Amino acid sequence: KEAARVIITELRRQRRSLYRLMLDGAEGPLVDVRTFDDSPYCVGGAISEEELALLLAHAERRRAYDKGLYLLSLRDYGRVELIRKLTTEYPRPVAEEAVERLCEERLIDDERYAFRLAERGRESRHWSRGRIRQELMRRGIDRATADEAVAALPDDEAEQALLLIEKSYRSKMDDRESRQKVMAALARRGFGYGTVKAAFSMFDEERDEEPDGMPDEWN
């Protein structure tokens, strides 16, 4: 038995990029202009329910891919991170298909992204190596790639902690109690006791004064 078909009686423009399909004179679904114009359908032509479903599925896949391209134009994303972002608007299989296509086109590269993010975390945020590894994995980078990106960074944890002290805690380095609070803050950022001790010493040397003492243990 031949599938029932309806007539596309009109295309109503909805914003710049969408058509509202009018089917047998009644309002039908929205479809993006590019998908419809690339299809074999036209006003006055017939379309079956199955054909309409395929047209809409193709339109959704195209929109997901275009959204992925747009997001990548704003900043880098890793594979898992972009899938998570797209699944707020599209079904997961559609989001995964769009991201796999972007990966094939080399627009997404987890290793490249991990190395860039690791360097940015060190240069701009003065994150500890542990914090960088944690952030990479939070964004969906696998452990092996995260470890590789962290291992490629200069071994300058104490210098990064010092930069953070100078940037955010300089006014809190005048007495033992305040230093304990700074120490706890740096610990929360992933810096170890030995690293913080070295950073404190460098800070005091820069100020050309004797250290005010280090707490014996973490608070």
Protein backbone atom coordinates (compact mmCIF):
# COMPACT_ATOMS: atom_id res chain seq x y z
CA LYS A 1 0.00 0.00 0.00
CA GLU A 2 1.39 3.40 -1.00
CA ALA A 3 2.18 5.73 1.90
CA ALA A 4 -0.18 8.64 2.35
CA ARG A 5 1.21 11.88 0.97
CA VAL A 6 0.43 15.50 1.68
CA ILE A 7 0.98 18.58 -0.45
CA ILE A 8 3.48 21.27 0.52
CA THR A 9 1.14 24.21 -0.05
CA GLU A 10 3.37 27.00 1.24
CA LEU A 11 6.71 27.85 2.83
CA ARG A 12 6.47 30.55 5.50
CA ARG A 13 9.79 32.17 6.35
CA GLN A 14 10.55 32.08 10.08
CA ARG A 15 13.52 34.32 10.76
CA ARG A 16 16.30 34.22 8.22
CA SER A 17 17.17 30.54 8.36
CA LEU A 18 13.90 28.62 8.83
CA TYR A 19 10.80 27.67 6.88
CA ARG A 20 7.48 26.72 8.41
CA LEU A 21 6.10 24.01 6.15
CA MET A 22 2.40 24.33 5.37
CA LEU A 23 1.07 20.86 4.60
CA ASP A 24 -2.37 20.63 2.97
CA GLY A 25 -2.91 24.18 4.20
CA ALA A 26 -2.16 23.41 7.86
CA GLU A 27 0.95 24.36 9.84
CA GLY A 28 3.63 21.71 9.71
CA PRO A 29 7.14 21.50 11.22
CA LEU A 30 10.04 23.91 10.92
CA VAL A 31 12.98 23.04 8.69
CA ASP A 32 16.09 25.08 7.96
CA VAL A 33 16.17 26.84 4.61
CA ARG A 34 19.38 25.21 3.39
CA THR A 35 18.17 21.66 4.04
CA PHE A 36 14.86 22.24 2.32
CA ASP A 37 16.38 24.07 -0.66
CA ASP A 38 18.86 21.20 -1.12
CA SER A 39 16.05 18.61 -1.01
CA PRO A 40 13.98 17.37 -3.98
CA TYR A 41 10.79 18.89 -2.49
CA CYS A 42 9.08 22.12 -3.50
CA VAL A 43 5.87 24.06 -3.03
CA GLY A 44 3.08 22.20 -4.76
CA GLY A 45 4.88 18.88 -4.47
CA ALA A 46 3.88 15.90 -2.35
CA ILE A 47 5.73 14.38 0.60
CA SER A 48 5.01 11.27 2.63
CA GLU A 49 5.21 10.97 6.39
CA GLU A 50 8.33 8.83 6.09
CA GLU A 51 10.01 11.28 3.71
CA LEU A 52 9.16 14.17 6.03
CA ALA A 53 10.71 12.34 8.98
CA LEU A 54 13.91 11.74 6.99
CA LEU A 55 14.01 15.39 5.91
CA LEU A 56 13.64 16.59 9.50
CA ALA A 57 16.29 14.13 10.75
CA HIS A 58 18.72 15.38 8.12
CA ALA A 59 17.95 18.98 9.11
CA GLU A 60 18.62 18.20 12.77
CA ARG A 61 21.97 16.59 11.96
CA ARG A 62 22.96 19.60 9.87
CA ARG A 63 21.97 22.04 12.62
CA ALA A 64 23.99 20.07 15.20
CA TYR A 65 27.05 20.13 12.95
CA ASP A 66 26.63 23.87 12.28
CA LYS A 67 26.26 24.52 16.01
CA GLY A 68 29.44 22.57 16.64
CA LEU A 69 31.26 24.68 14.05
CA TYR A 70 29.95 27.84 15.68
CA LEU A 71 31.07 26.77 19.16
CA LEU A 72 34.53 25.92 17.83
CA SER A 73 34.75 29.39 16.31
CA LEU A 74 34.43 30.81 19.84
CA ARG A 75 37.01 28.57 21.55
CA ASP A 76 38.63 25.13 21.47
CA TYR A 77 36.70 22.08 22.65
CA GLY A 78 37.65 18.50 23.26
CA ARG A 79 35.56 15.68 21.81
CA VAL A 80 33.69 14.70 25.00
CA GLU A 81 33.24 18.32 26.06
CA LEU A 82 31.62 19.30 22.75
CA ILE A 83 29.32 16.27 22.80
CA ARG A 84 28.15 17.32 26.28
CA LYS A 85 27.53 20.85 25.03
CA LEU A 86 25.54 19.74 21.98
CA THR A 87 23.41 17.27 23.93
CA THR A 88 21.78 20.22 25.72
CA GLU A 89 20.02 20.89 22.40
CA TYR A 90 20.18 17.67 20.39
CA PRO A 91 19.76 13.94 21.05
CA ARG A 92 23.04 12.29 22.01
CA PRO A 93 23.36 10.18 18.81
CA VAL A 94 22.94 13.36 16.73
CA ALA A 95 25.52 15.22 18.85
CA GLU A 96 27.98 12.32 18.62
CA GLU A 97 27.59 12.11 14.84
CA ALA A 98 28.25 15.84 14.46
CA VAL A 99 31.35 15.70 16.67
CA GLU A 100 32.74 12.62 14.91
CA ARG A 101 32.45 14.46 11.62
CA LEU A 102 34.29 17.45 13.12
CA CYS A 103 36.99 15.08 14.40
CA GLU A 104 37.38 13.55 10.94
CA GLU A 105 37.84 17.05 9.55
CA ARG A 106 40.59 17.66 12.16
CA LEU A 107 38.63 20.53 13.66
CA ILE A 108 38.71 18.70 17.00
CA ASP A 109 41.90 17.10 18.27
CA ASP A 110 41.97 16.05 21.92
CA GLU A 111 45.75 15.92 22.15
CA ARG A 112 46.20 19.37 20.62
CA TYR A 113 43.44 20.73 22.85
CA ALA A 114 44.93 19.18 26.00
CA PHE A 115 48.37 20.67 25.36
CA ARG A 116 46.91 24.13 24.66
CA LEU A 117 44.70 24.05 27.75
CA ALA A 118 47.55 22.85 29.95
CA GLU A 119 49.79 25.66 28.77
CA ARG A 120 47.01 28.22 29.21
CA GLY A 121 46.32 26.97 32.74
CA ARG A 122 49.97 27.42 33.62
CA GLU A 123 50.51 30.77 31.87
CA SER A 124 47.24 32.57 32.63
CA ARG A 125 45.90 30.91 35.77
CA HIS A 126 49.16 29.74 37.39
CA TRP A 127 47.51 26.40 38.11
CA SER A 128 49.44 23.58 39.73
CA ARG A 129 50.19 20.51 37.64
CA GLY A 130 47.65 18.53 39.65
CA ARG A 131 44.98 21.16 39.05
CA ILE A 132 45.75 21.19 35.32
CA ARG A 133 45.45 17.40 35.15
CA GLN A 134 42.15 17.56 37.06
CA GLU A 135 40.75 20.23 34.74
CA LEU A 136 41.73 18.32 31.61
CA MET A 137 40.00 15.18 32.86
CA ARG A 138 36.94 17.18 33.92
CA ARG A 139 36.65 18.32 30.33
CA GLY A 140 36.69 14.76 29.06
CA ILE A 141 40.36 14.31 28.20
CA ASP A 142 41.50 10.75 28.96
CA ARG A 143 44.06 10.22 31.74
CA ALA A 144 46.91 9.21 29.43
CA THR A 145 46.56 12.33 27.27
CA ALA A 146 46.19 14.55 30.36
CA ASP A 147 49.37 13.06 31.87
CA GLU A 148 51.22 13.61 28.60
CA ALA A 149 50.14 17.26 28.42
CA VAL A 150 51.16 17.91 32.03
CA ALA A 151 54.52 16.16 31.59
CA ALA A 152 55.33 18.50 28.70
CA LEU A 153 55.05 21.59 30.94
CA PRO A 154 58.14 23.18 32.52
CA ASP A 155 58.83 21.91 36.03
CA ASP A 156 58.28 25.27 37.72
CA GLU A 157 55.58 24.66 40.33
CA ALA A 158 57.23 26.91 42.91
CA GLU A 159 57.52 29.77 40.41
CA GLN A 160 53.83 29.40 39.51
CA ALA A 161 52.86 29.45 43.19
CA LEU A 162 54.98 32.58 43.65
CA LEU A 163 53.26 34.29 40.72
CA LEU A 164 49.91 33.44 42.27
CA ILE A 165 51.01 34.83 45.64
CA GLU A 166 52.12 38.07 44.01
CA LYS A 167 48.95 38.32 41.97
CA SER A 168 46.34 37.46 44.61
CA TYR A 169 47.85 37.24 48.09
CA ARG A 170 50.63 39.83 48.41
CA SER A 171 48.69 41.83 51.00
CA LYS A 172 48.16 38.69 53.11
CA MET A 173 51.81 37.76 53.62
CA ASP A 174 52.62 40.01 56.57
CA ASP A 175 52.01 37.70 59.54
CA ARG A 176 51.95 34.01 60.40
CA GLU A 177 48.17 33.71 60.67
CA SER A 178 47.62 35.32 57.28
CA ARG A 179 50.30 33.11 55.75
CA GLN A 180 48.55 30.03 57.03
CA LYS A 181 45.44 31.15 55.16
CA VAL A 182 47.47 31.73 52.02
CA MET A 183 49.00 28.29 52.43
CA ALA A 184 45.56 26.70 52.73
CA ALA A 185 44.38 28.59 49.63
CA LEU A 186 47.35 27.34 47.62
CA ALA A 187 46.76 23.80 48.87
CA ARG A 188 43.21 23.97 47.54
CA ARG A 189 44.71 24.94 44.20
CA GLY A 190 46.78 21.74 44.20
CA PHE A 191 50.19 22.98 45.34
CA GLY A 192 52.09 20.74 47.74
CA TYR A 193 53.62 21.80 51.06
CA GLY A 194 57.19 21.73 49.75
CA THR A 195 56.22 23.79 46.72
CA VAL A 196 54.48 26.41 48.85
CA LYS A 197 57.44 26.55 51.25
CA ALA A 198 59.77 27.22 48.34
CA ALA A 199 57.43 29.90 46.97
CA PHE A 200 57.24 31.60 50.37
CA SER A 201 61.05 31.63 50.57
CA MET A 202 61.33 33.17 47.10
CA PHE A 203 58.71 35.77 48.03
CA ASP A 204 60.65 36.74 51.17
CA GLU A 205 63.92 36.93 49.25
CA GLU A 206 62.30 39.28 46.77
CA ARG A 207 61.14 41.48 49.64
CA ASP A 208 64.63 41.24 51.13
CA GLU A 209 63.41 40.24 54.54
CA GLU A 210 63.50 37.19 56.76
CA PRO A 211 60.67 34.66 56.43
CA ASP A 212 57.94 34.97 59.01
CA GLY A 213 57.89 31.23 59.50
CA MET A 214 55.99 28.40 57.90
CA PRO A 215 53.20 26.49 59.65
CA ASP A 216 54.26 22.94 60.47
CA GLU A 217 51.25 21.32 58.87
CA TRP A 218 48.32 22.06 56.60
CA ASN A 219 45.32 23.82 58.10
